[in-house]
Each structure stands twice: as structure tokens, then as C-alpha cells.
N, C-alpha and C. Protein backbone atom coordinates (compact mmCIF):
# COMPACT_ATOMS: atom_id res chain seq x y z
N MET A 1 -32.01 7.61 39.00
CA MET A 1 -30.58 7.41 38.80
C MET A 1 -30.31 6.14 38.01
N ASP A 2 -31.04 5.07 38.31
CA ASP A 2 -30.83 3.81 37.61
C ASP A 2 -31.14 3.93 36.13
N THR A 3 -32.18 4.67 35.79
CA THR A 3 -32.54 4.82 34.37
C THR A 3 -31.48 5.64 33.63
N ASP A 4 -30.88 6.62 34.29
CA ASP A 4 -29.80 7.39 33.66
C ASP A 4 -28.60 6.50 33.40
N LEU A 5 -28.27 5.68 34.37
CA LEU A 5 -27.13 4.77 34.23
C LEU A 5 -27.38 3.77 33.11
N ILE A 6 -28.59 3.27 33.04
CA ILE A 6 -28.94 2.31 31.99
C ILE A 6 -28.84 2.97 30.62
N ARG A 7 -29.33 4.20 30.49
CA ARG A 7 -29.23 4.92 29.21
C ARG A 7 -27.77 5.14 28.80
N VAL A 8 -26.95 5.52 29.76
CA VAL A 8 -25.53 5.74 29.47
C VAL A 8 -24.87 4.45 29.03
N LEU A 9 -25.15 3.36 29.73
CA LEU A 9 -24.57 2.07 29.36
C LEU A 9 -25.06 1.61 27.99
N GLU A 10 -26.33 1.84 27.69
CA GLU A 10 -26.86 1.49 26.37
C GLU A 10 -26.19 2.32 25.28
N LYS A 11 -25.98 3.60 25.57
CA LYS A 11 -25.32 4.46 24.58
C LYS A 11 -23.88 3.99 24.35
N ILE A 12 -23.19 3.62 25.41
CA ILE A 12 -21.82 3.09 25.28
C ILE A 12 -21.83 1.81 24.45
N ALA A 13 -22.77 0.93 24.72
CA ALA A 13 -22.86 -0.33 23.98
C ALA A 13 -23.14 -0.07 22.50
N ASN A 14 -24.05 0.85 22.21
CA ASN A 14 -24.36 1.18 20.81
C ASN A 14 -23.16 1.79 20.10
N THR A 15 -22.45 2.65 20.81
CA THR A 15 -21.27 3.27 20.21
C THR A 15 -20.20 2.23 19.92
N LEU A 16 -20.00 1.30 20.83
CA LEU A 16 -19.03 0.22 20.60
C LEU A 16 -19.42 -0.62 19.40
N GLU A 17 -20.71 -0.89 19.26
CA GLU A 17 -21.20 -1.65 18.11
C GLU A 17 -20.93 -0.91 16.80
N GLU A 18 -21.22 0.39 16.79
CA GLU A 18 -20.95 1.19 15.60
C GLU A 18 -19.46 1.22 15.28
N ASN A 19 -18.64 1.37 16.30
CA ASN A 19 -17.18 1.38 16.09
C ASN A 19 -16.70 0.05 15.51
N ASN A 20 -17.25 -1.05 16.01
CA ASN A 20 -16.88 -2.36 15.48
C ASN A 20 -17.26 -2.50 14.01
N GLU A 21 -18.42 -1.97 13.65
CA GLU A 21 -18.85 -2.02 12.24
C GLU A 21 -17.89 -1.22 11.36
N VAL A 22 -17.49 -0.05 11.83
CA VAL A 22 -16.55 0.77 11.07
C VAL A 22 -15.20 0.06 10.95
N LEU A 23 -14.73 -0.50 12.06
CA LEU A 23 -13.44 -1.22 12.02
C LEU A 23 -13.51 -2.43 11.09
N ASN A 24 -14.64 -3.11 11.06
CA ASN A 24 -14.79 -4.25 10.15
C ASN A 24 -14.76 -3.80 8.70
N ARG A 25 -15.39 -2.67 8.39
CA ARG A 25 -15.35 -2.15 7.02
C ARG A 25 -13.91 -1.76 6.64
N ILE A 26 -13.20 -1.14 7.57
CA ILE A 26 -11.80 -0.77 7.31
C ILE A 26 -10.98 -2.02 7.06
N ALA A 27 -11.16 -3.03 7.90
CA ALA A 27 -10.40 -4.28 7.75
C ALA A 27 -10.71 -4.96 6.42
N ASN A 28 -11.97 -4.96 6.02
CA ASN A 28 -12.33 -5.57 4.73
C ASN A 28 -11.71 -4.80 3.57
N HIS A 29 -11.72 -3.49 3.66
CA HIS A 29 -11.09 -2.67 2.62
C HIS A 29 -9.59 -2.96 2.57
N TYR A 30 -8.95 -2.99 3.71
CA TYR A 30 -7.52 -3.27 3.80
C TYR A 30 -7.21 -4.63 3.19
N ASP A 31 -7.98 -5.63 3.57
CA ASP A 31 -7.75 -6.98 3.05
C ASP A 31 -7.95 -7.06 1.54
N GLY A 32 -8.79 -6.19 0.99
CA GLY A 32 -9.02 -6.21 -0.46
C GLY A 32 -7.98 -5.41 -1.23
N VAL A 33 -7.45 -4.36 -0.62
CA VAL A 33 -6.56 -3.45 -1.33
C VAL A 33 -5.09 -3.82 -1.18
N VAL A 34 -4.68 -4.17 0.01
CA VAL A 34 -3.25 -4.39 0.28
C VAL A 34 -2.65 -5.52 -0.57
N PRO A 35 -3.30 -6.65 -0.73
CA PRO A 35 -2.70 -7.69 -1.58
C PRO A 35 -2.47 -7.22 -3.02
N VAL A 36 -3.41 -6.46 -3.55
CA VAL A 36 -3.28 -5.94 -4.91
C VAL A 36 -2.10 -4.96 -4.99
N MET A 37 -2.01 -4.07 -4.00
CA MET A 37 -0.90 -3.11 -3.98
C MET A 37 0.44 -3.83 -3.86
N THR A 38 0.50 -4.85 -3.01
CA THR A 38 1.73 -5.61 -2.83
C THR A 38 2.11 -6.32 -4.13
N ARG A 39 1.13 -6.92 -4.77
CA ARG A 39 1.38 -7.63 -6.03
C ARG A 39 1.90 -6.66 -7.09
N ASN A 40 1.27 -5.48 -7.19
CA ASN A 40 1.72 -4.49 -8.18
C ASN A 40 3.10 -3.97 -7.86
N ALA A 41 3.39 -3.72 -6.60
CA ALA A 41 4.73 -3.25 -6.20
C ALA A 41 5.78 -4.30 -6.55
N ASN A 42 5.47 -5.56 -6.33
CA ASN A 42 6.41 -6.63 -6.67
C ASN A 42 6.64 -6.71 -8.17
N ARG A 43 5.58 -6.52 -8.96
CA ARG A 43 5.72 -6.53 -10.42
C ARG A 43 6.62 -5.39 -10.89
N VAL A 44 6.41 -4.20 -10.33
CA VAL A 44 7.23 -3.05 -10.72
C VAL A 44 8.68 -3.28 -10.35
N GLU A 45 8.91 -3.80 -9.16
CA GLU A 45 10.28 -4.06 -8.72
C GLU A 45 10.95 -5.10 -9.62
N LYS A 46 10.22 -6.15 -9.96
CA LYS A 46 10.78 -7.18 -10.84
C LYS A 46 11.09 -6.61 -12.22
N ALA A 47 10.18 -5.80 -12.76
CA ALA A 47 10.41 -5.19 -14.08
C ALA A 47 11.62 -4.26 -14.04
N GLN A 48 11.76 -3.50 -12.95
CA GLN A 48 12.91 -2.61 -12.82
C GLN A 48 14.21 -3.40 -12.76
N GLU A 49 14.21 -4.50 -12.02
CA GLU A 49 15.41 -5.34 -11.94
C GLU A 49 15.75 -5.93 -13.31
N GLU A 50 14.74 -6.37 -14.05
CA GLU A 50 14.98 -6.91 -15.38
C GLU A 50 15.54 -5.86 -16.32
N LEU A 51 15.02 -4.64 -16.21
CA LEU A 51 15.56 -3.55 -17.03
C LEU A 51 17.03 -3.30 -16.71
N GLU A 52 17.34 -3.27 -15.43
CA GLU A 52 18.72 -3.01 -15.03
C GLU A 52 19.64 -4.15 -15.47
N ASP A 53 19.16 -5.37 -15.41
CA ASP A 53 19.98 -6.52 -15.80
C ASP A 53 20.23 -6.57 -17.31
N ASN A 54 19.29 -6.05 -18.10
CA ASN A 54 19.38 -6.16 -19.56
C ASN A 54 19.93 -4.91 -20.23
N ARG A 55 20.44 -3.97 -19.47
CA ARG A 55 20.95 -2.73 -20.07
C ARG A 55 22.25 -2.99 -20.82
N SER A 56 22.40 -2.28 -21.91
CA SER A 56 23.65 -2.33 -22.66
C SER A 56 24.29 -0.94 -22.60
N PRO A 57 25.55 -0.83 -22.97
CA PRO A 57 26.19 0.49 -22.94
C PRO A 57 25.52 1.50 -23.87
N LEU A 58 24.69 1.05 -24.78
CA LEU A 58 24.05 1.96 -25.72
C LEU A 58 22.66 2.39 -25.28
N ASP A 59 22.24 1.99 -24.08
CA ASP A 59 20.97 2.48 -23.58
C ASP A 59 21.04 3.99 -23.43
N TRP A 60 19.89 4.65 -23.44
CA TRP A 60 19.87 6.11 -23.41
C TRP A 60 20.63 6.67 -22.23
N GLY A 61 20.50 6.05 -21.06
CA GLY A 61 21.19 6.57 -19.88
C GLY A 61 22.69 6.58 -20.09
N GLU A 62 23.19 5.52 -20.66
CA GLU A 62 24.63 5.44 -20.94
C GLU A 62 25.00 6.35 -22.11
N TYR A 63 24.13 6.42 -23.10
CA TYR A 63 24.41 7.22 -24.29
C TYR A 63 24.54 8.70 -23.93
N LEU A 64 23.75 9.14 -22.98
CA LEU A 64 23.78 10.54 -22.60
C LEU A 64 24.91 10.87 -21.62
N ASN A 65 25.66 9.88 -21.21
CA ASN A 65 26.77 10.10 -20.28
C ASN A 65 28.07 10.01 -21.10
N PRO A 66 28.67 11.13 -21.46
CA PRO A 66 29.86 11.12 -22.33
C PRO A 66 31.04 10.36 -21.74
N LYS A 67 31.19 10.36 -20.44
CA LYS A 67 32.31 9.65 -19.82
C LYS A 67 32.23 8.15 -20.11
N LYS A 68 31.04 7.61 -20.06
CA LYS A 68 30.89 6.18 -20.31
C LYS A 68 31.00 5.85 -21.80
N VAL A 69 30.56 6.74 -22.66
CA VAL A 69 30.59 6.48 -24.09
C VAL A 69 32.02 6.59 -24.61
N PHE A 70 32.72 7.64 -24.24
CA PHE A 70 34.05 7.90 -24.81
C PHE A 70 35.18 7.21 -24.08
N ASN A 71 34.96 6.68 -22.89
CA ASN A 71 36.02 5.98 -22.17
C ASN A 71 35.97 4.48 -22.39
N SER A 72 35.05 4.00 -23.21
CA SER A 72 34.93 2.56 -23.45
C SER A 72 36.04 2.07 -24.35
């Protein structure tokens, strides 16, 4: 009985070790990818805001809207 219990406990310990290794790989991947994704998302948002701020009534969006072109 003692040897069975020891084997089960060893298997649990090994499984926990493997799980920790997997979680560490996930964490390392997350730490490497998320900052890049955040930086790119911020760049896109900033570029979109700049586009919106610099639009003129003759931009394509406005040009294709007859109400805005002819009511000016």
C-alpha cells in the first residue's frame, strides 16, 4: 500500500512540474506578444485619430455624401 501511495504522489508531483513548465512557457509567450500588440494597437488608434483630425470636406467620405457637398 505504501509503494502505491508513493507512486501516486510522485505522479502528482511530476504532473504539477509539467504543468508549471507549460504555464511558464505561456507566460513567456504572453509577455513577449502582448506589449507588441498593445504598441501596435496604440499606433493604429493614434493614426486613426490623426486622420479624423485632418479631414477636409473634400475627403472621399465627404465627397461621396451629396448632402454634405451640396449643403455647404
